[in-house]
Amino acid sequence: MNAPDPEPIPVTRVVDHGTAKLLPDVDRRRAWLLTVDGAPQSYVDLDEPTHLEFEYARRLGHVLDCAAQDGLPLDVLHLGGGALMLPRYVAATRPGSHQHVVDADRALLALVAEHLPLPAGTDVAVHGDDAREWLRTAQDGSADVLVADVFGGSRVPAHLTTEAYAREADRVLRPGGSYAANLADGAPFTFLRSQLATFRGVFAHIALIAEPAVLRGRRFGNAVLVASQSELDVAELARRTARDVFPARVEHGDGLRRFVGDAQAVADADAVPSPEPPGGAFSVG
């Protein structure tokens, strides 16, 4: 009789920007939650890379699914790596995709490579670098999709919130390419409205995906900003998000303009990080 697999053991390690923990999921045999200083960063199921546990990750997944015909390979640039949750998703759903991942925490990337290695043959290049600095050197028109999921702890860094940064993102995208960012805010949405105003000033089309309770100001939470120079398929995004396990709403057009109101684009000199979440909003353990 074969011996049962040993119980997975949590891993704790000091990384460049805090203390990282890899916590096994007792309900899924080879699934792991990554936290940094108690804030969830990634959830990865090594046996089922298409499983996206977090609400915001599922919404970013919908954007990736709508970026091209099902199964068609894409060139994707991920700013923010974590446990490579979304690169694994793209590799599984769009075989042959070429992906770059940029994360400033080299020690965290090493931890993930050691304990949660990518499948052999996966075309994912991982770079230990500052996201905006790496973006500055990226080739024009080199990405079909740019996914920004960069958090210092639980806050989006200030230098990734500005109009100059948005213009760099636009430069790196191919014609028709899409930008998608995971953001976090709560009422009165000063940060989120400023981000929408910033990207509206650079991209011809923007949309926002969020849970209705977040948009109504009932709780602090994540929202996914989507931007493109080409018209977004908001109808398909709305269908996918509405029937999700965690239903969400897609705001665009006049409704989004009313939400943005008189918010102004963010200049580098005025940039601030996203707000600190209320105590316990995103922490684990």
Foldseek 3Di string as FASTA:
>chain_A
DDDDDDQDDKDWDAWDQAIWIWADDPVARQWTWIAGPQFTDAIARLVCLLDGDDLVVVLVVLVVPQLDPWQAAWEEEEEGDQLNSVLSNNCVGHPPHAYEYEAQTVRRVVVSCVRPNDDPPRRYHYYNDHRQVVLVPAAFQQGQEYEYEDDSRNKAAQVCQALVNLQSVQRNHHASGKYKYKHKDAPVCLSVLQSVQSNVVPAVWKKKKDAPCRVVRVFIDIMMIMGHNDDGPQVSSQVSQCPDPRHIHMDTDPRSCVSSDPHHGHHSVRTHIYDDHPPPPRGDD
